[in-house]
Amino acid sequence: TQKIKELTEKLVRPDGKAFGARALELADQAGGDGGLKFLAYAATNFADKDTGKAVLERVQKSHLKSPKLTDLLENPMGLSRAVGTEEADAFLNRVIAENPHQLCQAWATYWQGKNILQAIRSKRDATEDEKAAATAQADKLFAAAAPLAAGTEFADKIGAPVFEKEHLQVGMEVPEIAGEDVDGIAFKLSDYRGKVVLIDFWGFW
């Protein structure tokens, strides 16, 4: 840990504001959906307050109805931190109301639910009733988002909170898992019922 700390202190960090400004410049040059990719990049990686507001202004002016808005909506948390929760929520509401593409509506609805949960978790003096109400409100949004994303590769992620609540709570039966072992032999999790099983989920990203 100490060595990592020492190495980190020696690193020359990139000038995020300059990178953000350059991304905005390239977005203006590219225009259209090509420009949206630069805006999404800036929002995700270099969203200081000024850059975030500039990204949001350009997106709402020129890209609000684009199907490619998913480039930004898949990971809008940096933008939300930069512009503040109120502006971010207003943007998500506009996407839901004005973007005609269901997948964009699904992502915006999903993030509204996540924002509600994040807000209640960060409220230290929240009562149990407040937590329950926030969770119920978020669950409704997740349930509304899932069918909008049906048939897409994002459906499982958008529907994950509902699936977790309905299938992955302590005391519930574990969902079936089927596959092949390293020797190519088919197996199912239920084959090991009654035995202690360690499941290790991993992958490459």
N, C-alpha and C. Protein backbone atom coordinates (compact mmCIF):
# COMPACT_ATOMS: atom_id res chain seq x y z
N THR A 1 0.83 -1.21 0.00
CA THR A 1 0.00 0.00 0.00
C THR A 1 0.86 1.25 0.00
N GLN A 2 1.93 1.22 0.76
CA GLN A 2 2.83 2.37 0.83
C GLN A 2 3.49 2.62 -0.51
N LYS A 3 3.93 1.54 -1.18
CA LYS A 3 4.58 1.68 -2.47
C LYS A 3 3.62 2.27 -3.51
N ILE A 4 2.38 1.80 -3.47
CA ILE A 4 1.38 2.34 -4.40
C ILE A 4 1.16 3.82 -4.13
N LYS A 5 1.10 4.18 -2.86
CA LYS A 5 0.92 5.58 -2.49
C LYS A 5 2.07 6.43 -3.00
N GLU A 6 3.30 5.94 -2.85
CA GLU A 6 4.48 6.67 -3.31
C GLU A 6 4.46 6.85 -4.82
N LEU A 7 4.11 5.77 -5.54
CA LEU A 7 4.05 5.86 -7.00
C LEU A 7 2.96 6.82 -7.45
N THR A 8 1.82 6.77 -6.77
CA THR A 8 0.70 7.64 -7.12
C THR A 8 1.08 9.11 -6.95
N GLU A 9 1.83 9.41 -5.90
CA GLU A 9 2.23 10.80 -5.64
C GLU A 9 3.19 11.32 -6.69
N LYS A 10 3.89 10.41 -7.38
CA LYS A 10 4.85 10.82 -8.41
C LYS A 10 4.19 11.03 -9.78
N LEU A 11 2.98 10.50 -9.92
CA LEU A 11 2.31 10.60 -11.22
C LEU A 11 1.95 12.04 -11.56
N VAL A 12 2.17 12.38 -12.80
CA VAL A 12 1.72 13.68 -13.30
C VAL A 12 0.34 13.48 -13.90
N ARG A 13 -0.66 14.00 -13.23
CA ARG A 13 -2.02 13.76 -13.68
C ARG A 13 -2.36 14.63 -14.90
N PRO A 14 -3.18 14.09 -15.80
CA PRO A 14 -3.55 14.88 -16.99
C PRO A 14 -4.38 16.10 -16.60
N ASP A 15 -4.29 17.11 -17.43
CA ASP A 15 -5.08 18.32 -17.22
C ASP A 15 -6.51 18.06 -17.70
N GLY A 16 -7.36 17.65 -16.75
CA GLY A 16 -8.71 17.27 -17.11
C GLY A 16 -9.49 18.38 -17.78
N LYS A 17 -9.31 19.59 -17.31
CA LYS A 17 -10.06 20.72 -17.88
C LYS A 17 -9.66 20.93 -19.35
N ALA A 18 -8.36 20.78 -19.64
CA ALA A 18 -7.89 20.94 -21.01
C ALA A 18 -8.41 19.82 -21.90
N PHE A 19 -8.42 18.59 -21.38
CA PHE A 19 -8.96 17.47 -22.15
C PHE A 19 -10.45 17.68 -22.40
N GLY A 20 -11.16 18.16 -21.40
CA GLY A 20 -12.58 18.42 -21.56
C GLY A 20 -12.84 19.48 -22.60
N ALA A 21 -12.04 20.55 -22.57
CA ALA A 21 -12.19 21.62 -23.56
C ALA A 21 -11.92 21.12 -24.97
N ARG A 22 -10.91 20.26 -25.09
CA ARG A 22 -10.57 19.70 -26.40
C ARG A 22 -11.70 18.79 -26.91
N ALA A 23 -12.30 18.02 -26.01
CA ALA A 23 -13.40 17.15 -26.40
C ALA A 23 -14.59 17.98 -26.89
N LEU A 24 -14.87 19.08 -26.21
CA LEU A 24 -15.96 19.95 -26.63
C LEU A 24 -15.67 20.54 -28.01
N GLU A 25 -14.43 20.93 -28.22
CA GLU A 25 -14.02 21.49 -29.51
C GLU A 25 -14.22 20.46 -30.63
N LEU A 26 -13.81 19.21 -30.37
CA LEU A 26 -13.95 18.16 -31.38
C LEU A 26 -15.42 17.83 -31.62
N ALA A 27 -16.22 17.91 -30.56
CA ALA A 27 -17.65 17.66 -30.72
C ALA A 27 -18.28 18.70 -31.63
N ASP A 28 -17.89 19.94 -31.46
CA ASP A 28 -18.43 21.02 -32.30
C ASP A 28 -17.99 20.84 -33.75
N GLN A 29 -16.77 20.37 -33.95
CA GLN A 29 -16.26 20.16 -35.30
C GLN A 29 -16.96 18.99 -35.99
N ALA A 30 -17.16 17.91 -35.23
CA ALA A 30 -17.74 16.70 -35.82
C ALA A 30 -19.22 16.87 -36.11
N GLY A 31 -19.95 17.47 -35.19
CA GLY A 31 -21.39 17.63 -35.36
C GLY A 31 -22.11 16.29 -35.37
N GLY A 32 -23.41 16.31 -35.34
CA GLY A 32 -24.22 15.10 -35.41
C GLY A 32 -23.87 14.09 -34.35
N ASP A 33 -24.12 12.81 -34.67
CA ASP A 33 -23.85 11.75 -33.71
C ASP A 33 -22.37 11.57 -33.43
N GLY A 34 -21.54 11.96 -34.40
CA GLY A 34 -20.09 11.92 -34.17
C GLY A 34 -19.69 12.86 -33.05
N GLY A 35 -20.32 14.02 -33.02
CA GLY A 35 -20.05 14.97 -31.95
C GLY A 35 -20.54 14.47 -30.61
N LEU A 36 -21.63 13.71 -30.62
CA LEU A 36 -22.18 13.18 -29.38
C LEU A 36 -21.20 12.23 -28.69
N LYS A 37 -20.43 11.49 -29.48
CA LYS A 37 -19.44 10.59 -28.89
C LYS A 37 -18.40 11.37 -28.10
N PHE A 38 -17.96 12.50 -28.61
CA PHE A 38 -16.99 13.33 -27.89
C PHE A 38 -17.60 13.92 -26.63
N LEU A 39 -18.88 14.29 -26.71
CA LEU A 39 -19.55 14.84 -25.53
C LEU A 39 -19.68 13.78 -24.44
N ALA A 40 -20.02 12.55 -24.85
CA ALA A 40 -20.13 11.46 -23.88
C ALA A 40 -18.78 11.17 -23.24
N TYR A 41 -17.73 11.23 -24.04
CA TYR A 41 -16.36 10.99 -23.53
C TYR A 41 -15.99 12.06 -22.50
N ALA A 42 -16.28 13.30 -22.83
CA ALA A 42 -15.97 14.40 -21.92
C ALA A 42 -16.76 14.27 -20.63
N ALA A 43 -18.04 13.92 -20.74
CA ALA A 43 -18.89 13.80 -19.56
C ALA A 43 -18.43 12.68 -18.64
N THR A 44 -17.97 11.59 -19.23
CA THR A 44 -17.56 10.43 -18.45
C THR A 44 -16.20 10.62 -17.80
N ASN A 45 -15.28 11.29 -18.50
CA ASN A 45 -13.89 11.31 -18.04
C ASN A 45 -13.41 12.66 -17.50
N PHE A 46 -13.98 13.75 -17.94
CA PHE A 46 -13.44 15.06 -17.56
C PHE A 46 -14.54 16.05 -17.22
N ALA A 47 -15.53 15.59 -16.46
CA ALA A 47 -16.69 16.44 -16.21
C ALA A 47 -16.50 17.32 -14.98
N ASP A 48 -15.63 18.34 -15.08
CA ASP A 48 -15.64 19.39 -14.07
C ASP A 48 -16.91 20.20 -14.28
N LYS A 49 -17.20 21.11 -13.39
CA LYS A 49 -18.47 21.83 -13.45
C LYS A 49 -18.68 22.54 -14.79
N ASP A 50 -17.66 23.24 -15.27
CA ASP A 50 -17.81 24.00 -16.52
C ASP A 50 -18.01 23.06 -17.71
N THR A 51 -17.20 22.01 -17.75
CA THR A 51 -17.31 21.06 -18.86
C THR A 51 -18.66 20.36 -18.82
N GLY A 52 -19.09 19.97 -17.63
CA GLY A 52 -20.38 19.30 -17.49
C GLY A 52 -21.53 20.15 -17.98
N LYS A 53 -21.53 21.41 -17.61
CA LYS A 53 -22.61 22.30 -18.05
C LYS A 53 -22.56 22.51 -19.56
N ALA A 54 -21.34 22.61 -20.12
CA ALA A 54 -21.21 22.78 -21.57
C ALA A 54 -21.70 21.54 -22.31
N VAL A 55 -21.38 20.36 -21.78
CA VAL A 55 -21.85 19.11 -22.38
C VAL A 55 -23.37 19.06 -22.35
N LEU A 56 -23.95 19.34 -21.20
CA LEU A 56 -25.40 19.26 -21.04
C LEU A 56 -26.11 20.25 -21.97
N GLU A 57 -25.54 21.43 -22.10
CA GLU A 57 -26.13 22.45 -22.99
C GLU A 57 -26.14 21.97 -24.43
N ARG A 58 -25.02 21.39 -24.90
CA ARG A 58 -24.92 20.93 -26.27
C ARG A 58 -25.83 19.73 -26.53
N VAL A 59 -25.87 18.81 -25.56
CA VAL A 59 -26.70 17.62 -25.72
C VAL A 59 -28.16 18.00 -25.83
N GLN A 60 -28.62 18.89 -24.96
CA GLN A 60 -30.04 19.25 -24.97
C GLN A 60 -30.40 20.09 -26.18
N LYS A 61 -29.45 20.81 -26.71
CA LYS A 61 -29.71 21.65 -27.88
C LYS A 61 -29.74 20.84 -29.17
N SER A 62 -28.81 19.85 -29.29
CA SER A 62 -28.63 19.21 -30.59
C SER A 62 -28.84 17.70 -30.62
N HIS A 63 -28.89 17.05 -29.47
CA HIS A 63 -28.90 15.58 -29.48
C HIS A 63 -29.99 14.95 -28.63
N LEU A 64 -30.92 15.74 -28.14
CA LEU A 64 -31.88 15.22 -27.18
C LEU A 64 -32.73 14.08 -27.74
N LYS A 65 -32.97 14.07 -29.05
CA LYS A 65 -33.83 13.05 -29.64
C LYS A 65 -33.05 11.97 -30.39
N SER A 66 -31.74 11.98 -30.25
CA SER A 66 -30.90 11.03 -30.97
C SER A 66 -30.95 9.64 -30.34
N PRO A 67 -30.98 8.58 -31.17
CA PRO A 67 -30.91 7.22 -30.61
C PRO A 67 -29.53 6.94 -30.02
N LYS A 68 -28.52 7.70 -30.44
CA LYS A 68 -27.15 7.52 -29.96
C LYS A 68 -26.93 8.17 -28.60
N LEU A 69 -27.98 8.74 -28.03
CA LEU A 69 -27.85 9.35 -26.71
C LEU A 69 -27.48 8.31 -25.66
N THR A 70 -27.64 7.04 -26.01
CA THR A 70 -27.23 5.97 -25.10
C THR A 70 -25.73 6.03 -24.81
N ASP A 71 -24.95 6.60 -25.72
CA ASP A 71 -23.51 6.75 -25.47
C ASP A 71 -23.26 7.51 -24.18
N LEU A 72 -24.11 8.46 -23.89
CA LEU A 72 -24.01 9.25 -22.67
C LEU A 72 -24.79 8.62 -21.53
N LEU A 73 -25.97 8.10 -21.83
CA LEU A 73 -26.87 7.61 -20.79
C LEU A 73 -26.39 6.33 -20.12
N GLU A 74 -25.49 5.59 -20.77
CA GLU A 74 -24.99 4.37 -20.15
C GLU A 74 -24.15 4.68 -18.91
N ASN A 75 -23.55 5.85 -18.86
CA ASN A 75 -22.70 6.19 -17.72
C ASN A 75 -22.76 7.70 -17.46
N PRO A 76 -23.88 8.18 -16.93
CA PRO A 76 -24.05 9.62 -16.75
C PRO A 76 -23.63 10.15 -15.38
N MET A 77 -23.04 9.30 -14.54
CA MET A 77 -22.79 9.71 -13.16
C MET A 77 -21.77 10.85 -13.07
N GLY A 78 -20.77 10.85 -13.95
CA GLY A 78 -19.80 11.94 -13.95
C GLY A 78 -20.47 13.27 -14.26
N LEU A 79 -21.36 13.24 -15.23
CA LEU A 79 -22.11 14.45 -15.59
C LEU A 79 -22.99 14.89 -14.45
N SER A 80 -23.63 13.94 -13.78
CA SER A 80 -24.51 14.26 -12.66
C SER A 80 -23.74 14.92 -11.53
N ARG A 81 -22.55 14.40 -11.23
CA ARG A 81 -21.73 15.01 -10.18
C ARG A 81 -21.30 16.42 -10.55
N ALA A 82 -21.05 16.63 -11.85
CA ALA A 82 -20.55 17.93 -12.30
C ALA A 82 -21.63 19.01 -12.26
N VAL A 83 -22.82 18.69 -12.72
CA VAL A 83 -23.87 19.72 -12.83
C VAL A 83 -24.80 19.75 -11.64
N GLY A 84 -24.77 18.69 -10.82
CA GLY A 84 -25.66 18.64 -9.66
C GLY A 84 -26.89 17.78 -9.92
N THR A 85 -27.43 17.24 -8.86
CA THR A 85 -28.56 16.31 -8.96
C THR A 85 -29.79 16.94 -9.62
N GLU A 86 -30.07 18.19 -9.27
CA GLU A 86 -31.29 18.83 -9.79
C GLU A 86 -31.25 18.97 -11.30
N GLU A 87 -30.13 19.46 -11.83
CA GLU A 87 -30.01 19.62 -13.28
C GLU A 87 -29.98 18.26 -13.98
N ALA A 88 -29.31 17.30 -13.37
CA ALA A 88 -29.23 15.96 -13.97
C ALA A 88 -30.62 15.33 -14.04
N ASP A 89 -31.40 15.46 -12.97
CA ASP A 89 -32.75 14.90 -12.97
C ASP A 89 -33.64 15.58 -14.01
N ALA A 90 -33.48 16.89 -14.15
CA ALA A 90 -34.26 17.63 -15.15
C ALA A 90 -33.91 17.12 -16.56
N PHE A 91 -32.64 16.84 -16.78
CA PHE A 91 -32.19 16.31 -18.07
C PHE A 91 -32.80 14.94 -18.33
N LEU A 92 -32.78 14.06 -17.32
CA LEU A 92 -33.36 12.73 -17.48
C LEU A 92 -34.85 12.82 -17.77
N ASN A 93 -35.53 13.75 -17.12
CA ASN A 93 -36.96 13.94 -17.38
C ASN A 93 -37.21 14.36 -18.82
N ARG A 94 -36.35 15.21 -19.35
CA ARG A 94 -36.49 15.65 -20.74
C ARG A 94 -36.26 14.48 -21.70
N VAL A 95 -35.29 13.63 -21.39
CA VAL A 95 -35.03 12.47 -22.24
C VAL A 95 -36.27 11.58 -22.29
N ILE A 96 -36.84 11.31 -21.12
CA ILE A 96 -38.02 10.45 -21.05
C ILE A 96 -39.19 11.06 -21.83
N ALA A 97 -39.34 12.36 -21.72
CA ALA A 97 -40.49 13.03 -22.35
C ALA A 97 -40.29 13.27 -23.85
N GLU A 98 -39.05 13.51 -24.28
CA GLU A 98 -38.84 13.99 -25.64
C GLU A 98 -38.08 13.04 -26.56
N ASN A 99 -37.29 12.13 -26.02
CA ASN A 99 -36.56 11.20 -26.88
C ASN A 99 -37.51 10.08 -27.30
N PRO A 100 -37.69 9.84 -28.61
CA PRO A 100 -38.68 8.85 -29.06
C PRO A 100 -38.19 7.40 -29.00
N HIS A 101 -36.94 7.19 -28.61
CA HIS A 101 -36.35 5.85 -28.65
C HIS A 101 -36.43 5.18 -27.29
N GLN A 102 -37.02 3.99 -27.27
CA GLN A 102 -37.30 3.33 -26.01
C GLN A 102 -36.05 3.04 -25.18
N LEU A 103 -34.95 2.70 -25.84
CA LEU A 103 -33.74 2.38 -25.08
C LEU A 103 -33.22 3.60 -24.34
N CYS A 104 -33.29 4.76 -24.96
CA CYS A 104 -32.88 6.00 -24.29
C CYS A 104 -33.80 6.28 -23.10
N GLN A 105 -35.09 6.08 -23.32
CA GLN A 105 -36.05 6.28 -22.22
C GLN A 105 -35.77 5.29 -21.08
N ALA A 106 -35.40 4.07 -21.46
CA ALA A 106 -35.12 3.04 -20.45
C ALA A 106 -33.93 3.43 -19.59
N TRP A 107 -32.85 3.88 -20.22
CA TRP A 107 -31.67 4.27 -19.45
C TRP A 107 -31.96 5.46 -18.55
N ALA A 108 -32.68 6.44 -19.06
CA ALA A 108 -33.00 7.62 -18.25
C ALA A 108 -33.86 7.23 -17.05
N THR A 109 -34.83 6.34 -17.27
CA THR A 109 -35.69 5.90 -16.18
C THR A 109 -34.89 5.10 -15.15
N TYR A 110 -34.01 4.26 -15.63
CA TYR A 110 -33.15 3.46 -14.75
C TYR A 110 -32.30 4.35 -13.85
N TRP A 111 -31.69 5.38 -14.44
CA TRP A 111 -30.82 6.25 -13.64
C TRP A 111 -31.61 7.10 -12.67
N GLN A 112 -32.86 7.41 -12.99
CA GLN A 112 -33.69 8.10 -12.01
C GLN A 112 -33.86 7.24 -10.76
N GLY A 113 -34.09 5.95 -10.98
CA GLY A 113 -34.21 5.04 -9.85
C GLY A 113 -32.92 4.94 -9.05
N LYS A 114 -31.79 4.84 -9.75
CA LYS A 114 -30.50 4.75 -9.07
C LYS A 114 -30.22 6.02 -8.27
N ASN A 115 -30.59 7.18 -8.82
CA ASN A 115 -30.36 8.44 -8.13
C ASN A 115 -31.18 8.52 -6.84
N ILE A 116 -32.39 8.00 -6.87
CA ILE A 116 -33.23 7.99 -5.67
C ILE A 116 -32.58 7.15 -4.58
N LEU A 117 -32.09 5.99 -4.95
CA LEU A 117 -31.44 5.11 -3.98
C LEU A 117 -30.16 5.73 -3.44
N GLN A 118 -29.40 6.35 -4.33
CA GLN A 118 -28.16 6.99 -3.89
C GLN A 118 -28.45 8.12 -2.90
N ALA A 119 -29.48 8.88 -3.17
CA ALA A 119 -29.83 10.01 -2.30
C ALA A 119 -30.25 9.53 -0.92
N ILE A 120 -31.04 8.48 -0.86
CA ILE A 120 -31.51 8.02 0.45
C ILE A 120 -30.40 7.35 1.23
N ARG A 121 -29.48 6.71 0.52
CA ARG A 121 -28.35 6.06 1.21
C ARG A 121 -27.37 7.08 1.77
N SER A 122 -27.28 8.22 1.12
CA SER A 122 -26.36 9.26 1.60
C SER A 122 -26.98 10.13 2.69
N LYS A 123 -28.27 9.97 2.93
CA LYS A 123 -28.95 10.73 3.97
C LYS A 123 -28.81 9.99 5.30
N ARG A 124 -27.90 10.45 6.14
CA ARG A 124 -27.56 9.72 7.36
C ARG A 124 -28.71 9.60 8.35
N ASP A 125 -29.58 10.59 8.37
CA ASP A 125 -30.66 10.57 9.35
C ASP A 125 -31.98 10.07 8.75
N ALA A 126 -31.90 9.37 7.62
CA ALA A 126 -33.12 8.87 6.98
C ALA A 126 -33.80 7.85 7.88
N THR A 127 -35.12 7.96 8.00
CA THR A 127 -35.89 7.02 8.80
C THR A 127 -36.16 5.75 7.99
N GLU A 128 -36.59 4.71 8.67
CA GLU A 128 -36.91 3.46 7.97
C GLU A 128 -38.07 3.66 7.00
N ASP A 129 -39.01 4.50 7.37
CA ASP A 129 -40.14 4.79 6.48
C ASP A 129 -39.66 5.51 5.22
N GLU A 130 -38.74 6.45 5.39
CA GLU A 130 -38.20 7.17 4.24
C GLU A 130 -37.42 6.22 3.32
N LYS A 131 -36.65 5.32 3.92
CA LYS A 131 -35.90 4.35 3.12
C LYS A 131 -36.84 3.43 2.35
N ALA A 132 -37.89 2.99 3.03
CA ALA A 132 -38.86 2.10 2.38
C ALA A 132 -39.57 2.80 1.23
N ALA A 133 -39.94 4.07 1.45
CA ALA A 133 -40.63 4.83 0.40
C ALA A 133 -39.72 5.06 -0.80
N ALA A 134 -38.46 5.39 -0.54
CA ALA A 134 -37.50 5.62 -1.63
C ALA A 134 -37.26 4.33 -2.41
N THR A 135 -37.12 3.23 -1.70
CA THR A 135 -36.91 1.94 -2.36
C THR A 135 -38.10 1.57 -3.23
N ALA A 136 -39.31 1.79 -2.72
CA ALA A 136 -40.52 1.48 -3.49
C ALA A 136 -40.60 2.34 -4.75
N GLN A 137 -40.23 3.62 -4.61
CA GLN A 137 -40.25 4.53 -5.76
C GLN A 137 -39.23 4.11 -6.80
N ALA A 138 -38.04 3.74 -6.33
CA ALA A 138 -36.99 3.28 -7.25
C ALA A 138 -37.40 1.99 -7.94
N ASP A 139 -38.01 1.07 -7.20
CA ASP A 139 -38.44 -0.20 -7.78
C ASP A 139 -39.45 0.01 -8.91
N LYS A 140 -40.33 0.98 -8.73
CA LYS A 140 -41.31 1.28 -9.79
C LYS A 140 -40.61 1.77 -11.06
N LEU A 141 -39.57 2.58 -10.87
CA LEU A 141 -38.83 3.08 -12.03
C LEU A 141 -38.07 1.95 -12.72
N PHE A 142 -37.45 1.06 -11.94
CA PHE A 142 -36.73 -0.07 -12.53
C PHE A 142 -37.69 -0.96 -13.30
N ALA A 143 -38.87 -1.19 -12.73
CA ALA A 143 -39.87 -2.03 -13.37
C ALA A 143 -40.36 -1.38 -14.67
N ALA A 144 -40.44 -0.05 -14.69
CA ALA A 144 -40.87 0.65 -15.90
C ALA A 144 -39.78 0.65 -16.96
N ALA A 145 -38.53 0.66 -16.53
CA ALA A 145 -37.41 0.71 -17.48
C ALA A 145 -37.19 -0.63 -18.18
N ALA A 146 -37.36 -1.72 -17.46
CA ALA A 146 -37.02 -3.03 -18.00
C ALA A 146 -37.72 -3.37 -19.33
N PRO A 147 -39.04 -3.22 -19.45
CA PRO A 147 -39.68 -3.57 -20.73
C PRO A 147 -39.28 -2.64 -21.87
N LEU A 148 -38.88 -1.42 -21.55
CA LEU A 148 -38.43 -0.50 -22.60
C LEU A 148 -37.14 -0.98 -23.24
N ALA A 149 -36.35 -1.75 -22.49
CA ALA A 149 -35.08 -2.25 -23.00
C ALA A 149 -35.16 -3.70 -23.47
N ALA A 150 -36.34 -4.27 -23.47
CA ALA A 150 -36.51 -5.68 -23.82
C ALA A 150 -35.90 -5.99 -25.19
N GLY A 151 -35.15 -7.09 -25.26
CA GLY A 151 -34.55 -7.50 -26.52
C GLY A 151 -33.20 -6.87 -26.81
N THR A 152 -32.70 -6.05 -25.89
CA THR A 152 -31.39 -5.42 -26.08
C THR A 152 -30.39 -6.01 -25.10
N GLU A 153 -29.12 -5.77 -25.35
CA GLU A 153 -28.07 -6.29 -24.47
C GLU A 153 -28.07 -5.60 -23.12
N PHE A 154 -28.78 -4.49 -22.99
CA PHE A 154 -28.82 -3.76 -21.73
C PHE A 154 -29.99 -4.15 -20.84
N ALA A 155 -30.86 -5.00 -21.34
CA ALA A 155 -32.07 -5.34 -20.59
C ALA A 155 -31.75 -5.97 -19.24
N ASP A 156 -30.75 -6.86 -19.22
CA ASP A 156 -30.42 -7.53 -17.97
C ASP A 156 -29.92 -6.55 -16.92
N LYS A 157 -29.09 -5.58 -17.35
CA LYS A 157 -28.57 -4.61 -16.39
C LYS A 157 -29.68 -3.71 -15.88
N ILE A 158 -30.51 -3.25 -16.77
CA ILE A 158 -31.59 -2.36 -16.36
C ILE A 158 -32.58 -3.10 -15.45
N GLY A 159 -32.80 -4.38 -15.73
CA GLY A 159 -33.71 -5.16 -14.92
C GLY A 159 -33.07 -5.80 -13.70
N ALA A 160 -31.77 -5.61 -13.52
CA ALA A 160 -31.04 -6.29 -12.44
C ALA A 160 -31.58 -5.97 -11.05
N PRO A 161 -31.88 -4.69 -10.71
CA PRO A 161 -32.37 -4.43 -9.35
C PRO A 161 -33.65 -5.18 -9.02
N VAL A 162 -34.56 -5.28 -10.00
CA VAL A 162 -35.81 -6.00 -9.77
C VAL A 162 -35.52 -7.50 -9.63
N PHE A 163 -34.66 -8.02 -10.51
CA PHE A 163 -34.31 -9.44 -10.45
C PHE A 163 -33.65 -9.78 -9.11
N GLU A 164 -32.76 -8.91 -8.66
CA GLU A 164 -32.08 -9.14 -7.38
C GLU A 164 -33.08 -9.20 -6.23
N LYS A 165 -34.02 -8.28 -6.24
CA LYS A 165 -35.01 -8.25 -5.15
C LYS A 165 -35.90 -9.48 -5.17
N GLU A 166 -36.25 -9.96 -6.36
CA GLU A 166 -37.20 -11.06 -6.47
C GLU A 166 -36.56 -12.45 -6.39
N HIS A 167 -35.23 -12.52 -6.68
CA HIS A 167 -34.61 -13.84 -6.79
C HIS A 167 -33.33 -14.03 -5.98
N LEU A 168 -32.70 -12.94 -5.53
CA LEU A 168 -31.37 -13.08 -4.93
C LEU A 168 -31.30 -12.58 -3.49
N GLN A 169 -32.35 -12.79 -2.74
CA GLN A 169 -32.34 -12.41 -1.34
C GLN A 169 -31.99 -13.61 -0.46
N VAL A 170 -31.46 -13.33 0.71
CA VAL A 170 -31.08 -14.38 1.65
C VAL A 170 -32.30 -15.26 1.95
N GLY A 171 -32.10 -16.58 1.84
CA GLY A 171 -33.17 -17.53 2.11
C GLY A 171 -33.89 -18.00 0.87
N MET A 172 -33.71 -17.31 -0.26
CA MET A 172 -34.36 -17.74 -1.50
C MET A 172 -33.55 -18.86 -2.17
N GLU A 173 -34.24 -19.64 -2.99
CA GLU A 173 -33.55 -20.69 -3.75
C GLU A 173 -32.69 -20.04 -4.83
N VAL A 174 -31.46 -20.52 -4.95
CA VAL A 174 -30.54 -19.96 -5.94
C VAL A 174 -31.04 -20.29 -7.35
N PRO A 175 -31.05 -19.31 -8.26
CA PRO A 175 -31.47 -19.61 -9.64
C PRO A 175 -30.57 -20.66 -10.28
N GLU A 176 -31.13 -21.42 -11.19
CA GLU A 176 -30.37 -22.47 -11.86
C GLU A 176 -29.24 -21.87 -12.70
N ILE A 177 -28.11 -22.52 -12.69
CA ILE A 177 -26.97 -22.15 -13.54
C ILE A 177 -26.56 -23.41 -14.29
N ALA A 178 -26.44 -23.33 -15.59
CA ALA A 178 -26.03 -24.47 -16.40
C ALA A 178 -24.87 -24.08 -17.28
N GLY A 179 -23.98 -25.03 -17.53
CA GLY A 179 -22.82 -24.73 -18.37
C GLY A 179 -21.98 -25.97 -18.59
N GLU A 180 -20.72 -25.73 -18.97
CA GLU A 180 -19.78 -26.83 -19.16
C GLU A 180 -18.56 -26.58 -18.29
N ASP A 181 -17.98 -27.67 -17.76
CA ASP A 181 -16.76 -27.50 -16.97
C ASP A 181 -15.56 -27.41 -17.89
N VAL A 182 -14.36 -27.36 -17.32
CA VAL A 182 -13.15 -27.16 -18.13
C VAL A 182 -12.88 -28.32 -19.09
N ASP A 183 -13.52 -29.46 -18.84
CA ASP A 183 -13.36 -30.62 -19.72
C ASP A 183 -14.49 -30.75 -20.73
N GLY A 184 -15.38 -29.75 -20.75
CA GLY A 184 -16.47 -29.77 -21.71
C GLY A 184 -17.66 -30.60 -21.29
N ILE A 185 -17.70 -31.01 -20.03
CA ILE A 185 -18.80 -31.82 -19.54
C ILE A 185 -19.91 -30.92 -18.99
N ALA A 186 -21.13 -31.15 -19.45
CA ALA A 186 -22.26 -30.32 -19.05
C ALA A 186 -22.59 -30.55 -17.57
N PHE A 187 -22.99 -29.48 -16.90
CA PHE A 187 -23.39 -29.60 -15.50
C PHE A 187 -24.42 -28.53 -15.18
N LYS A 188 -25.12 -28.74 -14.07
CA LYS A 188 -26.07 -27.75 -13.56
C LYS A 188 -25.78 -27.54 -12.08
N LEU A 189 -26.06 -26.34 -11.61
CA LEU A 189 -25.87 -26.05 -10.20
C LEU A 189 -26.70 -26.99 -9.33
N SER A 190 -27.90 -27.30 -9.80
CA SER A 190 -28.78 -28.16 -9.01
C SER A 190 -28.22 -29.57 -8.82
N ASP A 191 -27.25 -29.97 -9.65
CA ASP A 191 -26.61 -31.27 -9.47
C ASP A 191 -25.90 -31.36 -8.13
N TYR A 192 -25.56 -30.19 -7.57
CA TYR A 192 -24.78 -30.16 -6.32
C TYR A 192 -25.64 -29.78 -5.11
N ARG A 193 -26.95 -29.93 -5.26
CA ARG A 193 -27.86 -29.61 -4.16
C ARG A 193 -27.49 -30.42 -2.91
N GLY A 194 -27.43 -29.71 -1.77
CA GLY A 194 -27.09 -30.37 -0.52
C GLY A 194 -25.60 -30.32 -0.20
N LYS A 195 -24.80 -29.85 -1.14
CA LYS A 195 -23.36 -29.74 -0.92
C LYS A 195 -22.98 -28.27 -0.81
N VAL A 196 -21.84 -28.00 -0.20
CA VAL A 196 -21.34 -26.63 -0.13
C VAL A 196 -20.72 -26.28 -1.48
N VAL A 197 -21.17 -25.17 -2.06
CA VAL A 197 -20.71 -24.75 -3.39
C VAL A 197 -20.21 -23.32 -3.33
N LEU A 198 -19.03 -23.08 -3.88
CA LEU A 198 -18.50 -21.72 -4.02
C LEU A 198 -18.62 -21.32 -5.49
N ILE A 199 -19.34 -20.24 -5.75
CA ILE A 199 -19.51 -19.74 -7.12
C ILE A 199 -18.67 -18.49 -7.31
N ASP A 200 -17.78 -18.54 -8.27
CA ASP A 200 -16.87 -17.41 -8.53
C ASP A 200 -17.21 -16.82 -9.90
N PHE A 201 -17.82 -15.63 -9.92
CA PHE A 201 -18.14 -14.95 -11.17
C PHE A 201 -16.98 -14.05 -11.57
N TRP A 202 -16.51 -14.16 -12.79
CA TRP A 202 -15.42 -13.32 -13.23
C TRP A 202 -15.50 -13.16 -14.75
N GLY A 203 -14.73 -12.25 -15.26
CA GLY A 203 -14.74 -12.03 -16.70
C GLY A 203 -13.70 -11.00 -17.09
N PHE A 204 -13.63 -10.71 -18.38
CA PHE A 204 -12.68 -9.73 -18.91
C PHE A 204 -13.46 -8.50 -19.40
N TRP A 205 -13.06 -7.32 -18.95
CA TRP A 205 -13.69 -6.09 -19.42
C TRP A 205 -12.65 -5.14 -19.98
